[in-house]
Protein backbone atom coordinates (compact mmCIF):
# COMPACT_ATOMS: atom_id res chain seq x y z
CA MET A 1 42.84 -35.81 169.35
CA ILE A 2 43.55 -37.95 172.40
CA GLU A 3 47.05 -38.16 173.83
CA ILE A 4 48.06 -41.59 175.13
CA THR A 5 49.55 -40.54 178.45
CA GLU A 6 49.90 -43.98 180.05
CA ILE A 7 53.19 -44.78 178.29
CA THR A 8 56.11 -45.36 180.66
CA ASP A 9 59.75 -46.41 180.27
CA ASP A 10 58.94 -50.12 180.57
CA TYR A 11 60.31 -52.23 177.73
CA LYS A 12 56.94 -53.83 177.03
CA GLN A 13 53.53 -52.25 177.56
CA SER A 14 49.97 -53.14 176.66
CA PHE A 15 46.93 -50.87 176.49
CA PHE A 16 43.25 -51.19 175.68
CA LEU A 17 42.31 -47.81 174.26
CA GLU A 18 39.30 -46.03 172.83
CA SER A 19 39.08 -43.49 170.02
CA GLU A 20 36.92 -40.36 170.16
CA ASN A 21 34.15 -42.25 168.35
CA LYS A 22 34.29 -45.04 170.99
CA GLU A 23 36.10 -47.59 168.81
CA ARG A 24 38.13 -49.89 171.10
CA PHE A 25 41.51 -51.35 170.15
CA LYS A 26 44.58 -52.93 171.69
CA LEU A 27 48.02 -51.37 171.42
CA GLU A 28 51.20 -53.07 172.58
CA LEU A 29 54.45 -51.13 172.63
CA PHE A 30 57.86 -52.69 172.99
CA TYR A 31 61.38 -51.30 172.93
CA THR A 32 64.34 -53.13 171.42
CA ILE A 33 67.78 -52.23 172.70
CA ALA A 34 69.58 -53.71 169.69
CA GLN A 35 67.61 -51.53 167.26
CA GLU A 36 67.25 -48.56 169.61
CA SER A 37 63.65 -48.32 168.47
CA TRP A 38 60.07 -48.64 169.64
CA TYR A 39 57.78 -51.12 167.88
CA PHE A 40 54.08 -51.81 168.20
CA ASN A 41 51.42 -54.45 167.78
CA PHE A 42 47.92 -53.20 167.03
CA THR A 43 44.58 -55.03 167.05
CA TYR A 44 41.26 -53.55 165.97
CA LYS A 45 38.34 -55.91 165.30
CA ASP A 46 39.79 -58.49 162.88
CA ILE A 47 42.81 -56.40 161.84
CA THR A 48 46.17 -57.16 163.45
CA ILE A 49 49.47 -55.42 162.80
CA ASN A 50 52.54 -57.00 164.39
CA SER A 51 56.06 -55.71 164.98
CA GLN A 52 55.64 -52.42 163.14
CA LYS A 53 58.36 -49.84 163.85
CA LEU A 54 56.95 -46.77 165.56
CA ILE A 55 57.99 -43.79 163.46
CA THR A 56 57.30 -40.08 163.65
CA ASP A 57 54.23 -39.69 161.45
CA PHE A 58 50.82 -37.98 161.57
CA ASP A 59 49.08 -41.05 160.11
CA ILE A 60 50.74 -44.27 161.23
CA LEU A 61 47.77 -46.38 160.09
CA LYS A 62 47.44 -44.71 156.66
CA GLN A 63 47.38 -47.99 154.72
CA TYR A 64 44.14 -48.83 156.58
CA LYS A 65 42.45 -45.44 156.13
CA ASN A 66 39.46 -46.94 154.34
CA ILE A 67 39.01 -49.64 157.00
CA ILE A 68 39.95 -48.14 160.37
CA PRO A 69 38.00 -44.96 161.30
CA PHE A 70 40.91 -43.45 163.25
CA SER A 71 44.70 -43.38 163.22
CA LEU A 72 47.71 -42.96 165.46
CA ALA A 73 50.15 -40.06 165.31
CA CYS A 74 53.64 -40.13 166.78
CA ILE A 75 55.08 -36.64 167.17
CA ASN A 76 58.64 -35.86 168.22
CA GLU A 77 59.83 -32.33 169.01
CA ASN A 78 63.03 -32.97 167.03
CA ALA A 79 61.24 -34.65 164.09
CA ILE A 80 63.08 -37.94 164.68
CA ASP A 81 61.75 -41.41 165.44
CA PRO A 82 61.56 -42.32 169.14
CA ALA A 83 64.91 -43.98 169.81
CA PHE A 84 65.25 -44.08 173.59
CA LEU A 85 63.51 -46.04 176.29
CA ASP A 86 62.45 -42.80 177.95
CA SER A 87 61.40 -41.01 174.74
CA PHE A 88 57.78 -40.85 175.91
CA ILE A 89 58.39 -39.85 179.52
CA ASP A 90 60.98 -37.14 178.87
CA GLY A 91 58.45 -35.19 176.82
CA THR A 92 60.24 -35.37 173.47
CA THR A 93 57.77 -37.84 171.93
CA GLN A 94 54.00 -38.04 172.14
CA LEU A 95 51.56 -40.61 170.81
CA PHE A 96 48.00 -39.61 169.87
CA ILE A 97 44.76 -41.19 168.68
CA LEU A 98 43.28 -39.10 165.85
CA SER A 99 39.99 -39.25 164.03
CA ARG A 100 40.18 -39.49 160.23
CA ASP A 101 38.96 -35.86 160.03
CA GLU A 102 41.82 -34.74 162.28
CA VAL A 103 44.33 -36.62 160.12
CA ASP A 104 42.93 -34.96 156.99
CA GLU A 105 43.12 -31.55 158.67
CA LEU A 106 46.74 -32.09 159.73
CA LEU A 107 47.89 -33.42 156.37
CA GLY A 108 45.87 -31.10 154.14
CA ASP A 109 46.46 -31.91 150.49
CA LEU A 110 49.60 -34.00 151.04
């Protein structure tokens, strides 16, 4: 499990990241004031996800579990979706890169 610690309180951010098994991908985060929500764009090889709302979930990329060998987990200490510009810097919300094995371990038989 790798925590993405580079997230700031900027409205729009872009990262080139690497999973534990050295798979590289691009993650763009953006905050919308009108929706009071964080959204993301994600690119891995030929897969692109655009304008997906970032929700509290252990397996954000679950619909791609047979294609993408890792996932993202957004964890909030209050079990709510990140709703504030500073949600990641105030310590209430964390974003992680997880291997598929880690996702399976966290979710168990769910």
